Amino acid sequence: MLIFLIIQRDMHVGAGQAMTGKTVTRADLCEAVYQKVGLSRTESASLVELVLKEITDCLERGETVKLSSFGSFVVRKKGQRIGRNPKTGKEVPISPRRVMVFKPSAILKHRINGHVE
């Protein structure tokens, strides 16, 4: 959670500012932890990897991951259904699967719309 709070502060886009479309990478997360927390680069990278692994492991088990003031990652089950090949129009079965959904918190929604508290 510490990593998300650090990035959230640094990546804020205020009202009237253009969005750059930058992708935040693992390296960016590691650098932010290194700059803000004071850990070595190796320790920062290990911390980021540990947090991401914990989130991934929880999602694999079907658990919901809630990050306060950020949002929730939820795994949902989708049943089998019939789809259509857009090129041929032929019906094809789509097998059941699990999908991950991100639901932003009200605070995050508020912030991305330019309202800073």
PDB file of N, CA and C in Angstrom:
ATOM      1  N   MET A   1       0.816  -1.180   0.000  1.00  0.00           N
ATOM      2  CA  MET A   1       0.000   0.000   0.000  1.00  0.00           C
ATOM      3  C   MET A   1       0.865   1.249   0.000  1.00  0.00           C
ATOM      4  N   LEU A   2       1.988   1.178   0.639  1.00  0.00           N
ATOM      5  CA  LEU A   2       2.909   2.312   0.682  1.00  0.00           C
ATOM      6  C   LEU A   2       3.302   2.742  -0.720  1.00  0.00           C
ATOM      7  N   ILE A   3       3.547   1.776  -1.588  1.00  0.00           N
ATOM      8  CA  ILE A   3       3.960   2.078  -2.953  1.00  0.00           C
ATOM      9  C   ILE A   3       2.872   2.859  -3.670  1.00  0.00           C
ATOM     10  N   PHE A   4       1.623   2.448  -3.523  1.00  0.00           N
ATOM     11  CA  PHE A   4       0.535   3.130  -4.206  1.00  0.00           C
ATOM     12  C   PHE A   4       0.350   4.546  -3.691  1.00  0.00           C
ATOM     13  N   LEU A   5       0.544   4.740  -2.396  1.00  0.00           N
ATOM     14  CA  LEU A   5       0.419   6.082  -1.841  1.00  0.00           C
ATOM     15  C   LEU A   5       1.509   7.000  -2.373  1.00  0.00           C
ATOM     16  N   ILE A   6       2.721   6.482  -2.512  1.00  0.00           N
ATOM     17  CA  ILE A   6       3.830   7.273  -3.047  1.00  0.00           C
ATOM     18  C   ILE A   6       3.554   7.662  -4.492  1.00  0.00           C
ATOM     19  N   ILE A   7       3.153   6.686  -5.311  1.00  0.00           N
ATOM     20  CA  ILE A   7       2.893   6.947  -6.722  1.00  0.00           C
ATOM     21  C   ILE A   7       1.688   7.868  -6.874  1.00  0.00           C
ATOM     22  N   GLN A   8       0.657   7.651  -6.065  1.00  0.00           N
ATOM     23  CA  GLN A   8      -0.537   8.463  -6.161  1.00  0.00           C
ATOM     24  C   GLN A   8      -0.199   9.940  -5.958  1.00  0.00           C
ATOM     25  N   ARG A   9       0.681  10.245  -5.021  1.00  0.00           N
ATOM     26  CA  ARG A   9       1.073  11.638  -4.785  1.00  0.00           C
ATOM     27  C   ARG A   9       1.846  12.198  -5.965  1.00  0.00           C
ATOM     28  N   ASP A  10       2.743  11.420  -6.532  1.00  0.00           N
ATOM     29  CA  ASP A  10       3.599  11.901  -7.616  1.00  0.00           C
ATOM     30  C   ASP A  10       2.894  11.976  -8.952  1.00  0.00           C
ATOM     31  N   MET A  11       1.856  11.183  -9.184  1.00  0.00           N
ATOM     32  CA  MET A  11       1.225  11.091 -10.489  1.00  0.00           C
ATOM     33  C   MET A  11      -0.032  11.956 -10.577  1.00  0.00           C
ATOM     34  N   HIS A  12      -0.288  12.816  -9.592  1.00  0.00           N
ATOM     35  CA  HIS A  12      -1.514  13.618  -9.570  1.00  0.00           C
ATOM     36  C   HIS A  12      -1.584  14.556 -10.771  1.00  0.00           C
ATOM     37  N   VAL A  13      -2.757  14.590 -11.383  1.00  0.00           N
ATOM     38  CA  VAL A  13      -3.014  15.522 -12.480  1.00  0.00           C
ATOM     39  C   VAL A  13      -4.100  16.460 -12.001  1.00  0.00           C
ATOM     40  N   GLY A  14      -3.799  17.733 -11.914  1.00  0.00           N
ATOM     41  CA  GLY A  14      -4.758  18.721 -11.414  1.00  0.00           C
ATOM     42  C   GLY A  14      -5.748  19.136 -12.473  1.00  0.00           C
ATOM     43  N   ALA A  15      -6.737  19.891 -12.042  1.00  0.00           N
ATOM     44  CA  ALA A  15      -7.754  20.390 -12.958  1.00  0.00           C
ATOM     45  C   ALA A  15      -7.111  21.274 -14.018  1.00  0.00           C
ATOM     46  N   GLY A  16      -7.505  21.062 -15.256  1.00  0.00           N
ATOM     47  CA  GLY A  16      -6.987  21.874 -16.348  1.00  0.00           C
ATOM     48  C   GLY A  16      -5.649  21.406 -16.903  1.00  0.00           C
ATOM     49  N   GLN A  17      -5.031  20.398 -16.287  1.00  0.00           N
ATOM     50  CA  GLN A  17      -3.751  19.895 -16.788  1.00  0.00           C
ATOM     51  C   GLN A  17      -4.014  18.762 -17.775  1.00  0.00           C
ATOM     52  N   ALA A  18      -3.183  18.698 -18.804  1.00  0.00           N
ATOM     53  CA  ALA A  18      -3.314  17.633 -19.796  1.00  0.00           C
ATOM     54  C   ALA A  18      -2.723  16.340 -19.244  1.00  0.00           C
ATOM     55  N   MET A  19      -3.335  15.219 -19.596  1.00  0.00           N
ATOM     56  CA  MET A  19      -2.798  13.921 -19.194  1.00  0.00           C
ATOM     57  C   MET A  19      -1.760  13.507 -20.222  1.00  0.00           C
ATOM     58  N   THR A  20      -0.637  12.978 -19.753  1.00  0.00           N
ATOM     59  CA  THR A  20       0.448  12.642 -20.652  1.00  0.00           C
ATOM     60  C   THR A  20       0.340  11.236 -21.221  1.00  0.00           C
ATOM     61  N   GLY A  21      -0.467  10.377 -20.616  1.00  0.00           N
ATOM     62  CA  GLY A  21      -0.590   9.016 -21.101  1.00  0.00           C
ATOM     63  C   GLY A  21       0.590   8.143 -20.719  1.00  0.00           C
ATOM     64  N   LYS A  22       1.385   8.557 -19.735  1.00  0.00           N
ATOM     65  CA  LYS A  22       2.554   7.797 -19.306  1.00  0.00           C
ATOM     66  C   LYS A  22       2.118   6.503 -18.629  1.00  0.00           C
ATOM     67  N   THR A  23       2.825   5.442 -18.925  1.00  0.00           N
ATOM     68  CA  THR A  23       2.619   4.169 -18.260  1.00  0.00           C
ATOM     69  C   THR A  23       3.570   4.080 -17.081  1.00  0.00           C
ATOM     70  N   VAL A  24       3.054   3.757 -15.905  1.00  0.00           N
ATOM     71  CA  VAL A  24       3.891   3.576 -14.726  1.00  0.00           C
ATOM     72  C   VAL A  24       4.373   2.129 -14.735  1.00  0.00           C
ATOM     73  N   THR A  25       5.685   1.947 -14.758  1.00  0.00           N
ATOM     74  CA  THR A  25       6.281   0.619 -14.826  1.00  0.00           C
ATOM     75  C   THR A  25       6.781   0.174 -13.458  1.00  0.00           C
ATOM     76  N   ARG A  26       7.195  -1.070 -13.376  1.00  0.00           N
ATOM     77  CA  ARG A  26       7.807  -1.567 -12.139  1.00  0.00           C
ATOM     78  C   ARG A  26       9.035  -0.744 -11.797  1.00  0.00           C
ATOM     79  N   ALA A  27       9.799  -0.390 -12.811  1.00  0.00           N
ATOM     80  CA  ALA A  27      11.001   0.419 -12.579  1.00  0.00           C
ATOM     81  C   ALA A  27      10.623   1.780 -11.988  1.00  0.00           C
ATOM     82  N   ASP A  28       9.519   2.366 -12.474  1.00  0.00           N
ATOM     83  CA  ASP A  28       9.047   3.636 -11.922  1.00  0.00           C
ATOM     84  C   ASP A  28       8.646   3.480 -10.452  1.00  0.00           C
ATOM     85  N   LEU A  29       7.955   2.396 -10.143  1.00  0.00           N
ATOM     86  CA  LEU A  29       7.573   2.134  -8.757  1.00  0.00           C
ATOM     87  C   LEU A  29       8.805   1.976  -7.868  1.00  0.00           C
ATOM     88  N   CYS A  30       9.780   1.210  -8.360  1.00  0.00           N
ATOM     89  CA  CYS A  30      11.022   1.004  -7.597  1.00  0.00           C
ATOM     90  C   CYS A  30      11.748   2.327  -7.370  1.00  0.00           C
ATOM     91  N   GLU A  31      11.808   3.148  -8.386  1.00  0.00           N
ATOM     92  CA  GLU A  31      12.484   4.444  -8.278  1.00  0.00           C
ATOM     93  C   GLU A  31      11.763   5.358  -7.288  1.00  0.00           C
ATOM     94  N   ALA A  32      10.433   5.337  -7.307  1.00  0.00           N
ATOM     95  CA  ALA A  32       9.665   6.152  -6.367  1.00  0.00           C
ATOM     96  C   ALA A  32       9.922   5.726  -4.929  1.00  0.00           C
ATOM     97  N   VAL A  33       9.957   4.415  -4.693  1.00  0.00           N
ATOM     98  CA  VAL A  33      10.251   3.917  -3.343  1.00  0.00           C
ATOM     99  C   VAL A  33      11.673   4.319  -2.950  1.00  0.00           C
ATOM    100  N   TYR A  34      12.604   4.168  -3.863  1.00  0.00           N
ATOM    101  CA  TYR A  34      13.999   4.545  -3.603  1.00  0.00           C
ATOM    102  C   TYR A  34      14.103   6.024  -3.228  1.00  0.00           C
ATOM    103  N   GLN A  35      13.440   6.893  -3.985  1.00  0.00           N
ATOM    104  CA  GLN A  35      13.519   8.341  -3.761  1.00  0.00           C
ATOM    105  C   GLN A  35      12.810   8.771  -2.481  1.00  0.00           C
ATOM    106  N   LYS A  36      11.649   8.201  -2.199  1.00  0.00           N
ATOM    107  CA  LYS A  36      10.808   8.675  -1.102  1.00  0.00           C
ATOM    108  C   LYS A  36      11.080   8.000   0.241  1.00  0.00           C
ATOM    109  N   VAL A  37      11.445   6.732   0.208  1.00  0.00           N
ATOM    110  CA  VAL A  37      11.573   5.977   1.451  1.00  0.00           C
ATOM    111  C   VAL A  37      13.013   5.917   1.935  1.00  0.00           C
ATOM    112  N   GLY A  38      13.952   5.967   1.001  1.00  0.00           N
ATOM    113  CA  GLY A  38      15.352   5.939   1.409  1.00  0.00           C
ATOM    114  C   GLY A  38      15.957   4.553   1.460  1.00  0.00           C
ATOM    115  N   LEU A  39      15.255   3.559   0.949  1.00  0.00           N
ATOM    116  CA  LEU A  39      15.841   2.224   0.848  1.00  0.00           C
ATOM    117  C   LEU A  39      16.819   2.217  -0.320  1.00  0.00           C
ATOM    118  N   SER A  40      17.692   1.218  -0.335  1.00  0.00           N
ATOM    119  CA  SER A  40      18.593   1.091  -1.483  1.00  0.00           C
ATOM    120  C   SER A  40      17.762   0.705  -2.705  1.00  0.00           C
ATOM    121  N   ARG A  41      18.363   0.829  -3.880  1.00  0.00           N
ATOM    122  CA  ARG A  41      17.632   0.453  -5.104  1.00  0.00           C
ATOM    123  C   ARG A  41      17.271  -1.032  -5.082  1.00  0.00           C
ATOM    124  N   THR A  42      18.165  -1.864  -4.590  1.00  0.00           N
ATOM    125  CA  THR A  42      17.901  -3.306  -4.510  1.00  0.00           C
ATOM    126  C   THR A  42      16.765  -3.582  -3.535  1.00  0.00           C
ATOM    127  N   GLU A  43      16.792  -2.945  -2.370  1.00  0.00           N
ATOM    128  CA  GLU A  43      15.732  -3.134  -1.383  1.00  0.00           C
ATOM    129  C   GLU A  43      14.396  -2.595  -1.915  1.00  0.00           C
ATOM    130  N   SER A  44      14.442  -1.468  -2.611  1.00  0.00           N
ATOM    131  CA  SER A  44      13.221  -0.894  -3.193  1.00  0.00           C
ATOM    132  C   SER A  44      12.616  -1.845  -4.209  1.00  0.00           C
ATOM    133  N   ALA A  45      13.448  -2.408  -5.071  1.00  0.00           N
ATOM    134  CA  ALA A  45      12.966  -3.357  -6.077  1.00  0.00           C
ATOM    135  C   ALA A  45      12.377  -4.595  -5.400  1.00  0.00           C
ATOM    136  N   SER A  46      13.023  -5.075  -4.361  1.00  0.00           N
ATOM    137  CA  SER A  46      12.517  -6.245  -3.629  1.00  0.00           C
ATOM    138  C   SER A  46      11.174  -5.948  -2.978  1.00  0.00           C
ATOM    139  N   LEU A  47      11.029  -4.756  -2.412  1.00  0.00           N
ATOM    140  CA  LEU A  47       9.769  -4.366  -1.782  1.00  0.00           C
ATOM    141  C   LEU A  47       8.643  -4.296  -2.807  1.00  0.00           C
ATOM    142  N   VAL A  48       8.906  -3.680  -3.938  1.00  0.00           N
ATOM    143  CA  VAL A  48       7.893  -3.581  -4.996  1.00  0.00           C
ATOM    144  C   VAL A  48       7.489  -4.975  -5.462  1.00  0.00           C
ATOM    145  N   GLU A  49       8.464  -5.824  -5.712  1.00  0.00           N
ATOM    146  CA  GLU A  49       8.169  -7.188  -6.161  1.00  0.00           C
ATOM    147  C   GLU A  49       7.373  -7.957  -5.118  1.00  0.00           C
ATOM    148  N   LEU A  50       7.707  -7.775  -3.846  1.00  0.00           N
ATOM    149  CA  LEU A  50       6.998  -8.453  -2.765  1.00  0.00           C
ATOM    150  C   LEU A  50       5.535  -8.017  -2.709  1.00  0.00           C
ATOM    151  N   VAL A  51       5.281  -6.723  -2.821  1.00  0.00           N
ATOM    152  CA  VAL A  51       3.911  -6.206  -2.795  1.00  0.00           C
ATOM    153  C   VAL A  51       3.127  -6.721  -4.000  1.00  0.00           C
ATOM    154  N   LEU A  52       3.714  -6.652  -5.191  1.00  0.00           N
ATOM    155  CA  LEU A  52       3.024  -7.124  -6.392  1.00  0.00           C
ATOM    156  C   LEU A  52       2.758  -8.626  -6.336  1.00  0.00           C
ATOM    157  N   LYS A  53       3.710  -9.386  -5.792  1.00  0.00           N
ATOM    158  CA  LYS A  53       3.518 -10.839  -5.654  1.00  0.00           C
ATOM    159  C   LYS A  53       2.387 -11.145  -4.685  1.00  0.00           C
ATOM    160  N   GLU A  54       2.319 -10.412  -3.587  1.00  0.00           N
ATOM    161  CA  GLU A  54       1.247 -10.632  -2.614  1.00  0.00           C
ATOM    162  C   GLU A  54      -0.117 -10.326  -3.232  1.00  0.00           C
ATOM    163  N   ILE A  55      -0.216  -9.242  -3.988  1.00  0.00           N
ATOM    164  CA  ILE A  55      -1.467  -8.905  -4.663  1.00  0.00           C
ATOM    165  C   ILE A  55      -1.839 -10.004  -5.654  1.00  0.00           C
ATOM    166  N   THR A  56      -0.870 -10.450  -6.448  1.00  0.00           N
ATOM    167  CA  THR A  56      -1.096 -11.507  -7.437  1.00  0.00           C
ATOM    168  C   THR A  56      -1.537 -12.801  -6.767  1.00  0.00           C
ATOM    169  N   ASP A  57      -0.859 -13.185  -5.696  1.00  0.00           N
ATOM    170  CA  ASP A  57      -1.199 -14.427  -4.991  1.00  0.00           C
ATOM    171  C   ASP A  57      -2.631 -14.379  -4.449  1.00  0.00           C
ATOM    172  N   CYS A  58      -3.014 -13.248  -3.882  1.00  0.00           N
ATOM    173  CA  CYS A  58      -4.378 -13.101  -3.363  1.00  0.00           C
ATOM    174  C   CYS A  58      -5.402 -13.223  -4.486  1.00  0.00           C
ATOM    175  N   LEU A  59      -5.133 -12.574  -5.611  1.00  0.00           N
ATOM    176  CA  LEU A  59      -6.059 -12.640  -6.745  1.00  0.00           C
ATOM    177  C   LEU A  59      -6.150 -14.052  -7.314  1.00  0.00           C
ATOM    178  N   GLU A  60      -5.027 -14.770  -7.352  1.00  0.00           N
ATOM    179  CA  GLU A  60      -5.040 -16.161  -7.829  1.00  0.00           C
ATOM    180  C   GLU A  60      -5.941 -17.032  -6.966  1.00  0.00           C
ATOM    181  N   ARG A  61      -5.981 -16.739  -5.656  1.00  0.00           N
ATOM    182  CA  ARG A  61      -6.822 -17.494  -4.731  1.00  0.00           C
ATOM    183  C   ARG A  61      -8.282 -17.031  -4.785  1.00  0.00           C
ATOM    184  N   GLY A  62      -8.567 -16.021  -5.607  1.00  0.00           N
ATOM    185  CA  GLY A  62      -9.935 -15.531  -5.742  1.00  0.00           C
ATOM    186  C   GLY A  62     -10.316 -14.509  -4.694  1.00  0.00           C
ATOM    187  N   GLU A  63      -9.349 -13.992  -3.954  1.00  0.00           N
ATOM    188  CA  GLU A  63      -9.619 -13.005  -2.915  1.00  0.00           C
ATOM    189  C   GLU A  63      -9.708 -11.605  -3.517  1.00  0.00           C
ATOM    190  N   THR A  64     -10.466 -10.745  -2.869  1.00  0.00           N
ATOM    191  CA  THR A  64     -10.544  -9.345  -3.261  1.00  0.00           C
ATOM    192  C   THR A  64      -9.406  -8.596  -2.583  1.00  0.00           C
ATOM    193  N   VAL A  65      -8.715  -7.750  -3.327  1.00  0.00           N
ATOM    194  CA  VAL A  65      -7.628  -6.935  -2.765  1.00  0.00           C
ATOM    195  C   VAL A  65      -8.130  -5.499  -2.690  1.00  0.00           C
ATOM    196  N   LYS A  66      -8.251  -4.986  -1.451  1.00  0.00           N
ATOM    197  CA  LYS A  66      -8.722  -3.623  -1.246  1.00  0.00           C
ATOM    198  C   LYS A  66      -7.567  -2.757  -0.762  1.00  0.00           C
ATOM    199  N   LEU A  67      -7.337  -1.653  -1.453  1.00  0.00           N
ATOM    200  CA  LEU A  67      -6.314  -0.694  -1.055  1.00  0.00           C
ATOM    201  C   LEU A  67      -7.040   0.595  -0.691  1.00  0.00           C
ATOM    202  N   SER A  68      -7.000   0.939   0.573  1.00  0.00           N
ATOM    203  CA  SER A  68      -7.717   2.102   1.078  1.00  0.00           C
ATOM    204  C   SER A  68      -7.373   3.355   0.282  1.00  0.00           C
ATOM    205  N   SER A  69      -8.369   4.128  -0.063  1.00  0.00           N
ATOM    206  CA  SER A  69      -8.253   5.383  -0.815  1.00  0.00           C
ATOM    207  C   SER A  69      -7.773   5.174  -2.251  1.00  0.00           C
ATOM    208  N   PHE A  70      -7.679   3.920  -2.688  1.00  0.00           N
ATOM    209  CA  PHE A  70      -7.224   3.630  -4.045  1.00  0.00           C
ATOM    210  C   PHE A  70      -8.276   2.859  -4.817  1.00  0.00           C
ATOM    211  N   GLY A  71      -8.623   1.665  -4.330  1.00  0.00           N
ATOM    212  CA  GLY A  71      -9.630   0.872  -5.013  1.00  0.00           C
ATOM    213  C   GLY A  71      -9.510  -0.598  -4.683  1.00  0.00           C
ATOM    214  N   SER A  72     -10.295  -1.406  -5.372  1.00  0.00           N
ATOM    215  CA  SER A  72     -10.324  -2.847  -5.137  1.00  0.00           C
ATOM    216  C   SER A  72     -10.103  -3.602  -6.436  1.00  0.00           C
ATOM    217  N   PHE A  73      -9.341  -4.680  -6.339  1.00  0.00           N
ATOM    218  CA  PHE A  73      -9.168  -5.623  -7.431  1.00  0.00           C
ATOM    219  C   PHE A  73     -10.040  -6.825  -7.079  1.00  0.00           C
ATOM    220  N   VAL A  74     -10.976  -7.160  -7.963  1.00  0.00           N
ATOM    221  CA  VAL A  74     -11.935  -8.220  -7.698  1.00  0.00           C
ATOM    222  C   VAL A  74     -11.847  -9.259  -8.805  1.00  0.00           C
ATOM    223  N   VAL A  75     -11.867 -10.540  -8.427  1.00  0.00           N
ATOM    224  CA  VAL A  75     -11.887 -11.627  -9.405  1.00  0.00           C
ATOM    225  C   VAL A  75     -13.335 -12.080  -9.549  1.00  0.00           C
ATOM    226  N   ARG A  76     -13.810 -12.126 -10.780  1.00  0.00           N
ATOM    227  CA  ARG A  76     -15.179 -12.560 -11.062  1.00  0.00           C
ATOM    228  C   ARG A  76     -15.144 -13.788 -11.956  1.00  0.00           C
ATOM    229  N   LYS A  77     -16.145 -14.646 -11.778  1.00  0.00           N
ATOM    230  CA  LYS A  77     -16.279 -15.835 -12.627  1.00  0.00           C
ATOM    231  C   LYS A  77     -17.265 -15.518 -13.734  1.00  0.00           C
ATOM    232  N   LYS A  78     -16.885 -15.850 -14.962  1.00  0.00           N
ATOM    233  CA  LYS A  78     -17.786 -15.690 -16.103  1.00  0.00           C
ATOM    234  C   LYS A  78     -18.120 -17.088 -16.610  1.00  0.00           C
ATOM    235  N   GLY A  79     -19.376 -17.325 -16.808  1.00  0.00           N
ATOM    236  CA  GLY A  79     -19.825 -18.630 -17.276  1.00  0.00           C
ATOM    237  C   GLY A  79     -19.605 -18.802 -18.772  1.00  0.00           C
ATOM    238  N   GLN A  80     -19.832 -20.025 -19.221  1.00  0.00           N
ATOM    239  CA  GLN A  80     -19.704 -20.311 -20.647  1.00  0.00           C
ATOM    240  C   GLN A  80     -20.812 -19.583 -21.394  1.00  0.00           C
ATOM    241  N   ARG A  81     -20.477 -19.119 -22.593  1.00  0.00           N
ATOM    242  CA  ARG A  81     -21.474 -18.433 -23.410  1.00  0.00           C
ATOM    243  C   ARG A  81     -21.145 -18.657 -24.878  1.00  0.00           C
ATOM    244  N   ILE A  82     -22.068 -18.279 -25.702  1.00  0.00           N
ATOM    245  CA  ILE A  82     -21.865 -18.395 -27.147  1.00  0.00           C
ATOM    246  C   ILE A  82     -21.459 -17.026 -27.677  1.00  0.00           C
ATOM    247  N   GLY A  83     -20.347 -17.010 -28.395  1.00  0.00           N
ATOM    248  CA  GLY A  83     -19.874 -15.786 -29.027  1.00  0.00           C
ATOM    249  C   GLY A  83     -19.973 -15.921 -30.530  1.00  0.00           C
ATOM    250  N   ARG A  84     -19.571 -14.886 -31.231  1.00  0.00           N
ATOM    251  CA  ARG A  84     -19.652 -14.921 -32.688  1.00  0.00           C
ATOM    252  C   ARG A  84     -18.329 -14.416 -33.253  1.00  0.00           C
ATOM    253  N   ASN A  85     -17.780 -15.164 -34.205  1.00  0.00           N
ATOM    254  CA  ASN A  85     -16.583 -14.734 -34.909  1.00  0.00           C
ATOM    255  C   ASN A  85     -16.983 -13.577 -35.811  1.00  0.00           C
ATOM    256  N   PRO A  86     -16.432 -12.367 -35.572  1.00  0.00           N
ATOM    257  CA  PRO A  86     -16.871 -11.211 -36.363  1.00  0.00           C
ATOM    258  C   PRO A  86     -16.520 -11.310 -37.842  1.00  0.00           C
ATOM    259  N   LYS A  87     -15.505 -12.086 -38.149  1.00  0.00           N
ATOM    260  CA  LYS A  87     -15.079 -12.203 -39.546  1.00  0.00           C
ATOM    261  C   LYS A  87     -16.001 -13.135 -40.337  1.00  0.00           C
ATOM    262  N   THR A  88     -16.343 -14.273 -39.724  1.00  0.00           N
ATOM    263  CA  THR A  88     -17.137 -15.277 -40.444  1.00  0.00           C
ATOM    264  C   THR A  88     -18.604 -15.278 -40.025  1.00  0.00           C
ATOM    265  N   GLY A  89     -18.909 -14.725 -38.861  1.00  0.00           N
ATOM    266  CA  GLY A  89     -20.278 -14.753 -38.352  1.00  0.00           C
ATOM    267  C   GLY A  89     -20.640 -16.074 -37.704  1.00  0.00           C
ATOM    268  N   LYS A  90     -19.696 -17.015 -37.667  1.00  0.00           N
ATOM    269  CA  LYS A  90     -19.962 -18.334 -37.101  1.00  0.00           C
ATOM    270  C   LYS A  90     -20.000 -18.255 -35.575  1.00  0.00           C
ATOM    271  N   GLU A  91     -20.957 -18.963 -34.965  1.00  0.00           N
ATOM    272  CA  GLU A  91     -21.054 -19.013 -33.513  1.00  0.00           C
ATOM    273  C   GLU A  91     -19.987 -19.946 -32.960  1.00  0.00           C
ATOM    274  N   VAL A  92     -19.357 -19.516 -31.870  1.00  0.00           N
ATOM    275  CA  VAL A  92     -18.333 -20.327 -31.211  1.00  0.00           C
ATOM    276  C   VAL A  92     -18.548 -20.257 -29.706  1.00  0.00           C
ATOM    277  N   PRO A  93     -18.349 -21.397 -29.018  1.00  0.00           N
ATOM    278  CA  PRO A  93     -18.502 -21.365 -27.558  1.00  0.00           C
ATOM    279  C   PRO A  93     -17.290 -20.670 -26.907  1.00  0.00           C
ATOM    280  N   ILE A  94     -17.578 -19.843 -25.911  1.00  0.00           N
ATOM    281  CA  ILE A  94     -16.521 -19.202 -25.124  1.00  0.00           C
ATOM    282  C   ILE A  94     -16.528 -19.902 -23.776  1.00  0.00           C
ATOM    283  N   SER A  95     -15.397 -20.487 -23.405  1.00  0.00           N
ATOM    284  CA  SER A  95     -15.317 -21.288 -22.187  1.00  0.00           C
ATOM    285  C   SER A  95     -15.407 -20.423 -20.930  1.00  0.00           C
ATOM    286  N   PRO A  96     -15.836 -21.035 -19.813  1.00  0.00           N
ATOM    287  CA  PRO A  96     -15.893 -20.285 -18.564  1.00  0.00           C
ATOM    288  C   PRO A  96     -14.497 -19.846 -18.151  1.00  0.00           C
ATOM    289  N   ARG A  97     -14.411 -18.711 -17.497  1.00  0.00           N
ATOM    290  CA  ARG A  97     -13.102 -18.214 -17.082  1.00  0.00           C
ATOM    291  C   ARG A  97     -13.278 -17.231 -15.937  1.00  0.00           C
ATOM    292  N   ARG A  98     -12.150 -16.868 -15.346  1.00  0.00           N
ATOM    293  CA  ARG A  98     -12.136 -15.851 -14.299  1.00  0.00           C
ATOM    294  C   ARG A  98     -11.531 -14.583 -14.888  1.00  0.00           C
ATOM    295  N   VAL A  99     -12.081 -13.441 -14.519  1.00  0.00           N
ATOM    296  CA  VAL A  99     -11.567 -12.156 -14.987  1.00  0.00           C
ATOM    297  C   VAL A  99     -11.321 -11.265 -13.776  1.00  0.00           C
ATOM    298  N   MET A 100     -10.379 -10.349 -13.914  1.00  0.00           N
ATOM    299  CA  MET A 100     -10.091  -9.416 -12.843  1.00  0.00           C
ATOM    300  C   MET A 100     -10.647  -8.052 -13.221  1.00  0.00           C
ATOM    301  N   VAL A 101     -11.271  -7.405 -12.246  1.00  0.00           N
ATOM    302  CA  VAL A 101     -11.868  -6.096 -12.444  1.00  0.00           C
ATOM    303  C   VAL A 101     -11.289  -5.152 -11.394  1.00  0.00           C
ATOM    304  N   PHE A 102     -11.005  -3.916 -11.798  1.00  0.00           N
ATOM    305  CA  PHE A 102     -10.570  -2.901 -10.842  1.00  0.00           C
ATOM    306  C   PHE A 102     -11.715  -1.932 -10.611  1.00  0.00           C
ATOM    307  N   LYS A 103     -12.038  -1.710  -9.341  1.00  0.00           N
ATOM    308  CA  LYS A 103     -13.083  -0.759  -8.974  1.00  0.00           C
ATOM    309  C   LYS A 103     -12.426   0.367  -8.181  1.00  0.00           C
ATOM    310  N   PRO A 104     -12.304   1.543  -8.766  1.00  0.00           N
ATOM    311  CA  PRO A 104     -11.662   2.645  -8.045  1.00  0.00           C
ATOM    312  C   PRO A 104     -12.505   3.111  -6.863  1.00  0.00           C
ATOM    313  N   SER A 105     -11.820   3.574  -5.821  1.00  0.00           N
ATOM    314  CA  SER A 105     -12.531   4.103  -4.658  1.00  0.00           C
ATOM    315  C   SER A 105     -13.142   5.450  -5.008  1.00  0.00           C
ATOM    316  N   ALA A 106     -14.079   5.884  -4.178  1.00  0.00           N
ATOM    317  CA  ALA A 106     -14.691   7.200  -4.375  1.00  0.00           C
ATOM    318  C   ALA A 106     -13.636   8.300  -4.267  1.00  0.00           C
ATOM    319  N   ILE A 107     -12.667   8.120  -3.385  1.00  0.00           N
ATOM    320  CA  ILE A 107     -11.590   9.110  -3.215  1.00  0.00           C
ATOM    321  C   ILE A 107     -10.760   9.217  -4.485  1.00  0.00           C
ATOM    322  N   LEU A 108     -10.407   8.075  -5.081  1.00  0.00           N
ATOM    323  CA  LEU A 108      -9.612   8.091  -6.313  1.00  0.00           C
ATOM    324  C   LEU A 108     -10.412   8.711  -7.455  1.00  0.00           C
ATOM    325  N   LYS A 109     -11.687   8.345  -7.572  1.00  0.00           N
ATOM    326  CA  LYS A 109     -12.527   8.938  -8.613  1.00  0.00           C
ATOM    327  C   LYS A 109     -12.561  10.457  -8.461  1.00  0.00           C
ATOM    328  N   HIS A 110     -12.701  10.896  -7.226  1.00  0.00           N
ATOM    329  CA  HIS A 110     -12.752  12.325  -6.931  1.00  0.00           C
ATOM    330  C   HIS A 110     -11.446  13.006  -7.344  1.00  0.00           C
ATOM    331  N   ARG A 111     -10.316  12.363  -7.036  1.00  0.00           N
ATOM    332  CA  ARG A 111      -9.013  12.952  -7.345  1.00  0.00           C
ATOM    333  C   ARG A 111      -8.722  13.006  -8.841  1.00  0.00           C
ATOM    334  N   ILE A 112      -9.098  11.966  -9.580  1.00  0.00           N
ATOM    335  CA  ILE A 112      -8.799  11.975 -11.006  1.00  0.00           C
ATOM    336  C   ILE A 112      -9.669  12.964 -11.768  1.00  0.00           C
ATOM    337  N   ASN A 113     -10.723  13.410 -11.119  1.00  0.00           N
ATOM    338  CA  ASN A 113     -11.557  14.442 -11.713  1.00  0.00           C
ATOM    339  C   ASN A 113     -11.151  15.841 -11.277  1.00  0.00           C
ATOM    340  N   GLY A 114      -9.954  15.952 -10.682  1.00  0.00           N
ATOM    341  CA  GLY A 114      -9.365  17.264 -10.388  1.00  0.00           C
ATOM    342  C   GLY A 114      -9.764  17.884  -9.072  1.00  0.00           C
ATOM    343  N   HIS A 115     -10.367  17.115  -8.185  1.00  0.00           N
ATOM    344  CA  HIS A 115     -10.765  17.643  -6.892  1.00  0.00           C
ATOM    345  C   HIS A 115      -9.802  17.159  -5.824  1.00  0.00           C
ATOM    346  N   VAL A 116      -8.894  18.018  -5.390  1.00  0.00           N
ATOM    347  CA  VAL A 116      -7.909  17.641  -4.372  1.00  0.00           C
ATOM    348  C   VAL A 116      -8.445  18.047  -3.019  1.00  0.00           C
ATOM    349  N   GLU A 117      -8.336  17.127  -2.069  1.00  0.00           N
ATOM    350  CA  GLU A 117      -8.809  17.427  -0.715  1.00  0.00           C
ATOM    351  C   GLU A 117      -7.685  17.932   0.143  1.00  0.00           C
TER     352      GLU A 117
END
